[in-house]
mmCIF file of all heavy atoms, coordinates in Angstrom:
data_MODEL
# 
_entry.id   MODEL 
# 
loop_
_atom_site.group_PDB 
_atom_site.id 
_atom_site.type_symbol 
_atom_site.label_atom_id 
_atom_site.label_alt_id 
_atom_site.label_comp_id 
_atom_site.label_asym_id 
_atom_site.label_entity_id 
_atom_site.label_seq_id 
_atom_site.pdbx_PDB_ins_code 
_atom_site.Cartn_x 
_atom_site.Cartn_y 
_atom_site.Cartn_z 
_atom_site.occupancy 
_atom_site.B_iso_or_equiv 
_atom_site.pdbx_formal_charge 
_atom_site.auth_seq_id 
_atom_site.auth_comp_id 
_atom_site.auth_asym_id 
_atom_site.auth_atom_id 
_atom_site.pdbx_PDB_model_num 
ATOM 1   N N   . ASP A 1 1  ? -90.131 -6.547  -43.695 1.00 0.00 ? 1  ASP A N   1 
ATOM 2   C CA  . ASP A 1 1  ? -89.086 -5.545  -43.250 1.00 0.00 ? 1  ASP A CA  1 
ATOM 3   C C   . ASP A 1 1  ? -88.009 -5.411  -44.323 1.00 0.00 ? 1  ASP A C   1 
ATOM 4   O O   . ASP A 1 1  ? -88.145 -6.067  -45.357 1.00 0.00 ? 1  ASP A O   1 
ATOM 5   C CB  . ASP A 1 1  ? -88.491 -5.982  -41.866 1.00 0.00 ? 1  ASP A CB  1 
ATOM 6   C CG  . ASP A 1 1  ? -88.085 -4.867  -40.964 1.00 0.00 ? 1  ASP A CG  1 
ATOM 7   O OD1 . ASP A 1 1  ? -87.656 -3.776  -41.496 1.00 0.00 ? 1  ASP A OD1 1 
ATOM 8   O OD2 . ASP A 1 1  ? -88.148 -4.949  -39.763 1.00 0.00 ? 1  ASP A OD2 1 
ATOM 9   N N   . TYR A 1 2  ? -87.025 -4.624  -44.071 1.00 0.00 ? 2  TYR A N   1 
ATOM 10  C CA  . TYR A 1 2  ? -86.016 -4.247  -44.985 1.00 0.00 ? 2  TYR A CA  1 
ATOM 11  C C   . TYR A 1 2  ? -84.643 -4.106  -44.353 1.00 0.00 ? 2  TYR A C   1 
ATOM 12  O O   . TYR A 1 2  ? -84.567 -3.549  -43.224 1.00 0.00 ? 2  TYR A O   1 
ATOM 13  C CB  . TYR A 1 2  ? -86.448 -2.816  -45.461 1.00 0.00 ? 2  TYR A CB  1 
ATOM 14  C CG  . TYR A 1 2  ? -85.537 -2.060  -46.327 1.00 0.00 ? 2  TYR A CG  1 
ATOM 15  C CD1 . TYR A 1 2  ? -85.823 -1.866  -47.646 1.00 0.00 ? 2  TYR A CD1 1 
ATOM 16  C CD2 . TYR A 1 2  ? -84.463 -1.411  -45.751 1.00 0.00 ? 2  TYR A CD2 1 
ATOM 17  C CE1 . TYR A 1 2  ? -84.972 -1.079  -48.488 1.00 0.00 ? 2  TYR A CE1 1 
ATOM 18  C CE2 . TYR A 1 2  ? -83.617 -0.659  -46.479 1.00 0.00 ? 2  TYR A CE2 1 
ATOM 19  C CZ  . TYR A 1 2  ? -83.885 -0.446  -47.892 1.00 0.00 ? 2  TYR A CZ  1 
ATOM 20  O OH  . TYR A 1 2  ? -83.066 0.314   -48.609 1.00 0.00 ? 2  TYR A OH  1 
ATOM 21  N N   . VAL A 1 3  ? -83.638 -4.733  -44.953 1.00 0.00 ? 3  VAL A N   1 
ATOM 22  C CA  . VAL A 1 3  ? -82.218 -4.620  -44.493 1.00 0.00 ? 3  VAL A CA  1 
ATOM 23  C C   . VAL A 1 3  ? -81.355 -4.211  -45.576 1.00 0.00 ? 3  VAL A C   1 
ATOM 24  O O   . VAL A 1 3  ? -81.426 -4.952  -46.641 1.00 0.00 ? 3  VAL A O   1 
ATOM 25  C CB  . VAL A 1 3  ? -81.682 -5.999  -43.786 1.00 0.00 ? 3  VAL A CB  1 
ATOM 26  C CG1 . VAL A 1 3  ? -80.268 -5.869  -43.477 1.00 0.00 ? 3  VAL A CG1 1 
ATOM 27  C CG2 . VAL A 1 3  ? -82.569 -6.354  -42.620 1.00 0.00 ? 3  VAL A CG2 1 
ATOM 28  N N   . ALA A 1 4  ? -80.668 -3.091  -45.502 1.00 0.00 ? 4  ALA A N   1 
ATOM 29  C CA  . ALA A 1 4  ? -79.803 -2.686  -46.561 1.00 0.00 ? 4  ALA A CA  1 
ATOM 30  C C   . ALA A 1 4  ? -78.497 -3.413  -46.548 1.00 0.00 ? 4  ALA A C   1 
ATOM 31  O O   . ALA A 1 4  ? -77.975 -3.719  -45.608 1.00 0.00 ? 4  ALA A O   1 
ATOM 32  C CB  . ALA A 1 4  ? -79.654 -1.113  -46.431 1.00 0.00 ? 4  ALA A CB  1 
ATOM 33  N N   . LYS A 1 5  ? -77.977 -3.637  -47.812 1.00 0.00 ? 5  LYS A N   1 
ATOM 34  C CA  . LYS A 1 5  ? -76.680 -4.237  -47.961 1.00 0.00 ? 5  LYS A CA  1 
ATOM 35  C C   . LYS A 1 5  ? -75.574 -3.039  -47.819 1.00 0.00 ? 5  LYS A C   1 
ATOM 36  O O   . LYS A 1 5  ? -75.951 -1.893  -48.054 1.00 0.00 ? 5  LYS A O   1 
ATOM 37  C CB  . LYS A 1 5  ? -76.501 -4.830  -49.255 1.00 0.00 ? 5  LYS A CB  1 
ATOM 38  C CG  . LYS A 1 5  ? -77.335 -6.097  -49.536 1.00 0.00 ? 5  LYS A CG  1 
ATOM 39  C CD  . LYS A 1 5  ? -77.161 -6.494  -51.006 1.00 0.00 ? 5  LYS A CD  1 
ATOM 40  C CE  . LYS A 1 5  ? -78.174 -7.760  -51.253 1.00 0.00 ? 5  LYS A CE  1 
ATOM 41  N NZ  . LYS A 1 5  ? -77.954 -8.182  -52.685 1.00 0.00 ? 5  LYS A NZ  1 
ATOM 42  N N   . PRO A 1 6  ? -74.407 -3.438  -47.403 1.00 0.00 ? 6  PRO A N   1 
ATOM 43  C CA  . PRO A 1 6  ? -73.848 -4.728  -46.998 1.00 0.00 ? 6  PRO A CA  1 
ATOM 44  C C   . PRO A 1 6  ? -74.503 -5.197  -45.646 1.00 0.00 ? 6  PRO A C   1 
ATOM 45  O O   . PRO A 1 6  ? -74.552 -4.319  -44.733 1.00 0.00 ? 6  PRO A O   1 
ATOM 46  C CB  . PRO A 1 6  ? -72.391 -4.539  -46.907 1.00 0.00 ? 6  PRO A CB  1 
ATOM 47  C CG  . PRO A 1 6  ? -72.214 -3.083  -46.497 1.00 0.00 ? 6  PRO A CG  1 
ATOM 48  C CD  . PRO A 1 6  ? -73.315 -2.326  -47.304 1.00 0.00 ? 6  PRO A CD  1 
ATOM 49  N N   . VAL A 1 7  ? -74.921 -6.388  -45.637 1.00 0.00 ? 7  VAL A N   1 
ATOM 50  C CA  . VAL A 1 7  ? -75.650 -6.925  -44.493 1.00 0.00 ? 7  VAL A CA  1 
ATOM 51  C C   . VAL A 1 7  ? -74.586 -7.155  -43.343 1.00 0.00 ? 7  VAL A C   1 
ATOM 52  O O   . VAL A 1 7  ? -73.499 -7.546  -43.527 1.00 0.00 ? 7  VAL A O   1 
ATOM 53  C CB  . VAL A 1 7  ? -76.200 -8.338  -44.761 1.00 0.00 ? 7  VAL A CB  1 
ATOM 54  C CG1 . VAL A 1 7  ? -76.868 -8.964  -43.540 1.00 0.00 ? 7  VAL A CG1 1 
ATOM 55  C CG2 . VAL A 1 7  ? -77.228 -8.188  -45.903 1.00 0.00 ? 7  VAL A CG2 1 
ATOM 56  N N   . LYS A 1 8  ? -74.996 -6.730  -42.108 1.00 0.00 ? 8  LYS A N   1 
ATOM 57  C CA  . LYS A 1 8  ? -74.186 -6.815  -40.930 1.00 0.00 ? 8  LYS A CA  1 
ATOM 58  C C   . LYS A 1 8  ? -74.769 -7.782  -39.949 1.00 0.00 ? 8  LYS A C   1 
ATOM 59  O O   . LYS A 1 8  ? -76.013 -7.960  -39.819 1.00 0.00 ? 8  LYS A O   1 
ATOM 60  C CB  . LYS A 1 8  ? -73.964 -5.463  -40.288 1.00 0.00 ? 8  LYS A CB  1 
ATOM 61  C CG  . LYS A 1 8  ? -73.292 -4.491  -41.198 1.00 0.00 ? 8  LYS A CG  1 
ATOM 62  C CD  . LYS A 1 8  ? -73.024 -3.202  -40.544 1.00 0.00 ? 8  LYS A CD  1 
ATOM 63  C CE  . LYS A 1 8  ? -72.229 -2.148  -41.346 1.00 0.00 ? 8  LYS A CE  1 
ATOM 64  N NZ  . LYS A 1 8  ? -72.027 -0.837  -40.685 1.00 0.00 ? 8  LYS A NZ  1 
ATOM 65  N N   . LEU A 1 9  ? -73.903 -8.402  -39.130 1.00 0.00 ? 9  LEU A N   1 
ATOM 66  C CA  . LEU A 1 9  ? -74.361 -9.454  -38.181 1.00 0.00 ? 9  LEU A CA  1 
ATOM 67  C C   . LEU A 1 9  ? -75.371 -8.940  -37.222 1.00 0.00 ? 9  LEU A C   1 
ATOM 68  O O   . LEU A 1 9  ? -76.394 -9.563  -36.985 1.00 0.00 ? 9  LEU A O   1 
ATOM 69  C CB  . LEU A 1 9  ? -73.152 -9.948  -37.436 1.00 0.00 ? 9  LEU A CB  1 
ATOM 70  C CG  . LEU A 1 9  ? -73.382 -11.241 -36.627 1.00 0.00 ? 9  LEU A CG  1 
ATOM 71  C CD1 . LEU A 1 9  ? -73.626 -12.454 -37.468 1.00 0.00 ? 9  LEU A CD1 1 
ATOM 72  C CD2 . LEU A 1 9  ? -72.164 -11.507 -35.729 1.00 0.00 ? 9  LEU A CD2 1 
ATOM 73  N N   . ASP A 1 10 ? -75.137 -7.730  -36.641 1.00 0.00 ? 10 ASP A N   1 
ATOM 74  C CA  . ASP A 1 10 ? -76.077 -7.252  -35.666 1.00 0.00 ? 10 ASP A CA  1 
ATOM 75  C C   . ASP A 1 10 ? -77.447 -6.923  -36.191 1.00 0.00 ? 10 ASP A C   1 
ATOM 76  O O   . ASP A 1 10 ? -78.454 -6.996  -35.552 1.00 0.00 ? 10 ASP A O   1 
ATOM 77  C CB  . ASP A 1 10 ? -75.483 -5.977  -34.975 1.00 0.00 ? 10 ASP A CB  1 
ATOM 78  C CG  . ASP A 1 10 ? -75.130 -4.849  -35.911 1.00 0.00 ? 10 ASP A CG  1 
ATOM 79  O OD1 . ASP A 1 10 ? -75.134 -5.066  -37.063 1.00 0.00 ? 10 ASP A OD1 1 
ATOM 80  O OD2 . ASP A 1 10 ? -74.918 -3.728  -35.445 1.00 0.00 ? 10 ASP A OD2 1 
ATOM 81  N N   . GLU A 1 11 ? -77.445 -6.596  -37.561 1.00 0.00 ? 11 GLU A N   1 
ATOM 82  C CA  . GLU A 1 11 ? -78.770 -6.258  -38.175 1.00 0.00 ? 11 GLU A CA  1 
ATOM 83  C C   . GLU A 1 11 ? -79.567 -7.555  -38.314 1.00 0.00 ? 11 GLU A C   1 
ATOM 84  O O   . GLU A 1 11 ? -80.850 -7.627  -38.124 1.00 0.00 ? 11 GLU A O   1 
ATOM 85  C CB  . GLU A 1 11 ? -78.601 -5.617  -39.451 1.00 0.00 ? 11 GLU A CB  1 
ATOM 86  C CG  . GLU A 1 11 ? -78.015 -4.203  -39.441 1.00 0.00 ? 11 GLU A CG  1 
ATOM 87  C CD  . GLU A 1 11 ? -77.692 -3.572  -40.704 1.00 0.00 ? 11 GLU A CD  1 
ATOM 88  O OE1 . GLU A 1 11 ? -77.556 -4.332  -41.793 1.00 0.00 ? 11 GLU A OE1 1 
ATOM 89  O OE2 . GLU A 1 11 ? -77.532 -2.277  -40.734 1.00 0.00 ? 11 GLU A OE2 1 
ATOM 90  N N   . LEU A 1 12 ? -78.910 -8.697  -38.799 1.00 0.00 ? 12 LEU A N   1 
ATOM 91  C CA  . LEU A 1 12 ? -79.572 -10.008 -38.871 1.00 0.00 ? 12 LEU A CA  1 
ATOM 92  C C   . LEU A 1 12 ? -80.037 -10.411 -37.471 1.00 0.00 ? 12 LEU A C   1 
ATOM 93  O O   . LEU A 1 12 ? -81.152 -10.825 -37.277 1.00 0.00 ? 12 LEU A O   1 
ATOM 94  C CB  . LEU A 1 12 ? -78.580 -11.011 -39.457 1.00 0.00 ? 12 LEU A CB  1 
ATOM 95  C CG  . LEU A 1 12 ? -78.109 -10.796 -40.870 1.00 0.00 ? 12 LEU A CG  1 
ATOM 96  C CD1 . LEU A 1 12 ? -77.148 -11.855 -41.265 1.00 0.00 ? 12 LEU A CD1 1 
ATOM 97  C CD2 . LEU A 1 12 ? -79.245 -10.772 -41.831 1.00 0.00 ? 12 LEU A CD2 1 
ATOM 98  N N   . HIS A 1 13 ? -79.206 -10.212 -36.465 1.00 0.00 ? 13 HIS A N   1 
ATOM 99  C CA  . HIS A 1 13 ? -79.547 -10.566 -35.124 1.00 0.00 ? 13 HIS A CA  1 
ATOM 100 C C   . HIS A 1 13 ? -80.871 -9.773  -34.649 1.00 0.00 ? 13 HIS A C   1 
ATOM 101 O O   . HIS A 1 13 ? -81.817 -10.316 -34.112 1.00 0.00 ? 13 HIS A O   1 
ATOM 102 C CB  . HIS A 1 13 ? -78.433 -10.333 -34.177 1.00 0.00 ? 13 HIS A CB  1 
ATOM 103 C CG  . HIS A 1 13 ? -78.712 -10.454 -32.739 1.00 0.00 ? 13 HIS A CG  1 
ATOM 104 N ND1 . HIS A 1 13 ? -78.936 -9.428  -31.890 1.00 0.00 ? 13 HIS A ND1 1 
ATOM 105 C CD2 . HIS A 1 13 ? -78.880 -11.583 -32.022 1.00 0.00 ? 13 HIS A CD2 1 
ATOM 106 C CE1 . HIS A 1 13 ? -79.191 -9.899  -30.705 1.00 0.00 ? 13 HIS A CE1 1 
ATOM 107 N NE2 . HIS A 1 13 ? -79.164 -11.147 -30.725 1.00 0.00 ? 13 HIS A NE2 1 
ATOM 108 N N   . SER A 1 14 ? -80.812 -8.467  -35.020 1.00 0.00 ? 14 SER A N   1 
ATOM 109 C CA  . SER A 1 14 ? -81.907 -7.608  -34.504 1.00 0.00 ? 14 SER A CA  1 
ATOM 110 C C   . SER A 1 14 ? -83.289 -8.024  -35.198 1.00 0.00 ? 14 SER A C   1 
ATOM 111 O O   . SER A 1 14 ? -84.345 -8.035  -34.618 1.00 0.00 ? 14 SER A O   1 
ATOM 112 C CB  . SER A 1 14 ? -81.582 -6.183  -34.828 1.00 0.00 ? 14 SER A CB  1 
ATOM 113 O OG  . SER A 1 14 ? -80.404 -5.730  -34.070 1.00 0.00 ? 14 SER A OG  1 
ATOM 114 N N   . VAL A 1 15 ? -83.173 -8.287  -36.540 1.00 0.00 ? 15 VAL A N   1 
ATOM 115 C CA  . VAL A 1 15 ? -84.449 -8.597  -37.160 1.00 0.00 ? 15 VAL A CA  1 
ATOM 116 C C   . VAL A 1 15 ? -85.052 -9.876  -36.658 1.00 0.00 ? 15 VAL A C   1 
ATOM 117 O O   . VAL A 1 15 ? -86.264 -10.109 -36.652 1.00 0.00 ? 15 VAL A O   1 
ATOM 118 C CB  . VAL A 1 15 ? -84.240 -8.589  -38.718 1.00 0.00 ? 15 VAL A CB  1 
ATOM 119 C CG1 . VAL A 1 15 ? -83.678 -9.765  -39.244 1.00 0.00 ? 15 VAL A CG1 1 
ATOM 120 C CG2 . VAL A 1 15 ? -85.618 -8.271  -39.406 1.00 0.00 ? 15 VAL A CG2 1 
ATOM 121 N N   . ILE A 1 16 ? -84.189 -10.815 -36.410 1.00 0.00 ? 16 ILE A N   1 
ATOM 122 C CA  . ILE A 1 16 ? -84.616 -12.181 -35.851 1.00 0.00 ? 16 ILE A CA  1 
ATOM 123 C C   . ILE A 1 16 ? -85.315 -11.964 -34.521 1.00 0.00 ? 16 ILE A C   1 
ATOM 124 O O   . ILE A 1 16 ? -86.429 -12.541 -34.287 1.00 0.00 ? 16 ILE A O   1 
ATOM 125 C CB  . ILE A 1 16 ? -83.548 -13.222 -35.810 1.00 0.00 ? 16 ILE A CB  1 
ATOM 126 C CG1 . ILE A 1 16 ? -83.096 -13.609 -37.237 1.00 0.00 ? 16 ILE A CG1 1 
ATOM 127 C CG2 . ILE A 1 16 ? -83.927 -14.461 -34.997 1.00 0.00 ? 16 ILE A CG2 1 
ATOM 128 C CD1 . ILE A 1 16 ? -81.891 -14.451 -37.347 1.00 0.00 ? 16 ILE A CD1 1 
ATOM 129 N N   . VAL A 1 17 ? -84.616 -11.216 -33.648 1.00 0.00 ? 17 VAL A N   1 
ATOM 130 C CA  . VAL A 1 17 ? -85.187 -10.996 -32.322 1.00 0.00 ? 17 VAL A CA  1 
ATOM 131 C C   . VAL A 1 17 ? -86.494 -10.157 -32.447 1.00 0.00 ? 17 VAL A C   1 
ATOM 132 O O   . VAL A 1 17 ? -87.476 -10.415 -31.637 1.00 0.00 ? 17 VAL A O   1 
ATOM 133 C CB  . VAL A 1 17 ? -84.204 -10.269 -31.486 1.00 0.00 ? 17 VAL A CB  1 
ATOM 134 C CG1 . VAL A 1 17 ? -84.799 -9.717  -30.083 1.00 0.00 ? 17 VAL A CG1 1 
ATOM 135 C CG2 . VAL A 1 17 ? -82.973 -11.230 -31.064 1.00 0.00 ? 17 VAL A CG2 1 
ATOM 136 N N   . LYS A 1 18 ? -86.563 -9.244  -33.331 1.00 0.00 ? 18 LYS A N   1 
ATOM 137 C CA  . LYS A 1 18 ? -87.744 -8.411  -33.422 1.00 0.00 ? 18 LYS A CA  1 
ATOM 138 C C   . LYS A 1 18 ? -88.973 -9.111  -33.787 1.00 0.00 ? 18 LYS A C   1 
ATOM 139 O O   . LYS A 1 18 ? -90.011 -8.952  -33.246 1.00 0.00 ? 18 LYS A O   1 
ATOM 140 C CB  . LYS A 1 18 ? -87.486 -7.330  -34.589 1.00 0.00 ? 18 LYS A CB  1 
ATOM 141 C CG  . LYS A 1 18 ? -88.659 -6.469  -34.914 1.00 0.00 ? 18 LYS A CG  1 
ATOM 142 C CD  . LYS A 1 18 ? -88.290 -5.489  -36.043 1.00 0.00 ? 18 LYS A CD  1 
ATOM 143 C CE  . LYS A 1 18 ? -89.470 -4.618  -36.397 1.00 0.00 ? 18 LYS A CE  1 
ATOM 144 N NZ  . LYS A 1 18 ? -89.173 -3.668  -37.455 1.00 0.00 ? 18 LYS A NZ  1 
ATOM 145 N N   . TYR A 1 19 ? -88.897 -10.211 -34.709 1.00 0.00 ? 19 TYR A N   1 
ATOM 146 C CA  . TYR A 1 19 ? -90.062 -10.945 -35.109 1.00 0.00 ? 19 TYR A CA  1 
ATOM 147 C C   . TYR A 1 19 ? -90.273 -12.200 -34.454 1.00 0.00 ? 19 TYR A C   1 
ATOM 148 O O   . TYR A 1 19 ? -91.352 -12.744 -34.431 1.00 0.00 ? 19 TYR A O   1 
ATOM 149 C CB  . TYR A 1 19 ? -89.972 -11.202 -36.620 1.00 0.00 ? 19 TYR A CB  1 
ATOM 150 C CG  . TYR A 1 19 ? -90.237 -9.895  -37.389 1.00 0.00 ? 19 TYR A CG  1 
ATOM 151 C CD1 . TYR A 1 19 ? -89.092 -9.212  -38.026 1.00 0.00 ? 19 TYR A CD1 1 
ATOM 152 C CD2 . TYR A 1 19 ? -91.393 -9.336  -37.498 1.00 0.00 ? 19 TYR A CD2 1 
ATOM 153 C CE1 . TYR A 1 19 ? -89.232 -8.064  -38.678 1.00 0.00 ? 19 TYR A CE1 1 
ATOM 154 C CE2 . TYR A 1 19 ? -91.669 -8.146  -38.205 1.00 0.00 ? 19 TYR A CE2 1 
ATOM 155 C CZ  . TYR A 1 19 ? -90.518 -7.529  -38.788 1.00 0.00 ? 19 TYR A CZ  1 
ATOM 156 O OH  . TYR A 1 19 ? -90.751 -6.314  -39.463 1.00 0.00 ? 19 TYR A OH  1 
ATOM 157 N N   . PHE A 1 20 ? -89.260 -12.744 -33.851 1.00 0.00 ? 20 PHE A N   1 
ATOM 158 C CA  . PHE A 1 20 ? -89.381 -14.136 -33.270 1.00 0.00 ? 20 PHE A CA  1 
ATOM 159 C C   . PHE A 1 20 ? -88.932 -14.227 -31.688 1.00 0.00 ? 20 PHE A C   1 
ATOM 160 O O   . PHE A 1 20 ? -88.984 -15.284 -31.144 1.00 0.00 ? 20 PHE A O   1 
ATOM 161 C CB  . PHE A 1 20 ? -88.534 -15.142 -34.060 1.00 0.00 ? 20 PHE A CB  1 
ATOM 162 C CG  . PHE A 1 20 ? -88.979 -15.258 -35.515 1.00 0.00 ? 20 PHE A CG  1 
ATOM 163 C CD1 . PHE A 1 20 ? -88.291 -14.539 -36.467 1.00 0.00 ? 20 PHE A CD1 1 
ATOM 164 C CD2 . PHE A 1 20 ? -90.040 -16.016 -35.853 1.00 0.00 ? 20 PHE A CD2 1 
ATOM 165 C CE1 . PHE A 1 20 ? -88.647 -14.621 -37.847 1.00 0.00 ? 20 PHE A CE1 1 
ATOM 166 C CE2 . PHE A 1 20 ? -90.417 -16.094 -37.159 1.00 0.00 ? 20 PHE A CE2 1 
ATOM 167 C CZ  . PHE A 1 20 ? -89.711 -15.428 -38.185 1.00 0.00 ? 20 PHE A CZ  1 
ATOM 168 N N   . GLY A 1 21 ? -88.373 -13.110 -31.202 1.00 0.00 ? 21 GLY A N   1 
ATOM 169 C CA  . GLY A 1 21 ? -87.963 -13.068 -29.806 1.00 0.00 ? 21 GLY A CA  1 
ATOM 170 C C   . GLY A 1 21 ? -89.103 -13.007 -28.871 1.00 0.00 ? 21 GLY A C   1 
ATOM 171 O O   . GLY A 1 21 ? -90.301 -12.817 -29.271 1.00 0.00 ? 21 GLY A O   1 
ATOM 172 N N   . PRO A 1 22 ? -88.801 -13.171 -27.580 1.00 0.00 ? 22 PRO A N   1 
ATOM 173 C CA  . PRO A 1 22 ? -89.952 -13.131 -26.616 1.00 0.00 ? 22 PRO A CA  1 
ATOM 174 C C   . PRO A 1 22 ? -90.596 -11.803 -26.600 1.00 0.00 ? 22 PRO A C   1 
ATOM 175 O O   . PRO A 1 22 ? -89.958 -10.679 -26.822 1.00 0.00 ? 22 PRO A O   1 
ATOM 176 C CB  . PRO A 1 22 ? -89.131 -13.318 -25.338 1.00 0.00 ? 22 PRO A CB  1 
ATOM 177 C CG  . PRO A 1 22 ? -87.758 -13.003 -25.548 1.00 0.00 ? 22 PRO A CG  1 
ATOM 178 C CD  . PRO A 1 22 ? -87.536 -13.323 -26.968 1.00 0.00 ? 22 PRO A CD  1 
ATOM 179 N N   . VAL A 1 23 ? -91.861 -11.738 -26.422 1.00 0.00 ? 23 VAL A N   1 
ATOM 180 C CA  . VAL A 1 23 ? -92.637 -10.546 -26.331 1.00 0.00 ? 23 VAL A CA  1 
ATOM 181 C C   . VAL A 1 23 ? -92.524 -9.815  -25.029 1.00 0.00 ? 23 VAL A C   1 
ATOM 182 O O   . VAL A 1 23 ? -92.679 -10.507 -23.950 1.00 0.00 ? 23 VAL A O   1 
ATOM 183 C CB  . VAL A 1 23 ? -94.187 -10.811 -26.584 1.00 0.00 ? 23 VAL A CB  1 
ATOM 184 C CG1 . VAL A 1 23 ? -94.991 -9.526  -26.622 1.00 0.00 ? 23 VAL A CG1 1 
ATOM 185 C CG2 . VAL A 1 23 ? -94.345 -11.462 -28.047 1.00 0.00 ? 23 VAL A CG2 1 
ATOM 186 N N   . ALA A 1 24 ? -92.150 -8.614  -24.984 1.00 0.00 ? 24 ALA A N   1 
ATOM 187 C CA  . ALA A 1 24 ? -92.033 -7.792  -23.732 1.00 0.00 ? 24 ALA A CA  1 
ATOM 188 C C   . ALA A 1 24 ? -93.317 -7.697  -23.037 1.00 0.00 ? 24 ALA A C   1 
ATOM 189 O O   . ALA A 1 24 ? -94.335 -7.558  -23.645 1.00 0.00 ? 24 ALA A O   1 
ATOM 190 C CB  . ALA A 1 24 ? -91.454 -6.470  -23.989 1.00 0.00 ? 24 ALA A CB  1 
# 
């Protein structure tokens, strides 16, 4: 995946949940 700078807290949170969060 890809996150553009400047990095924001909610984007880091979203990418972690996207790949490691519970599967719906």
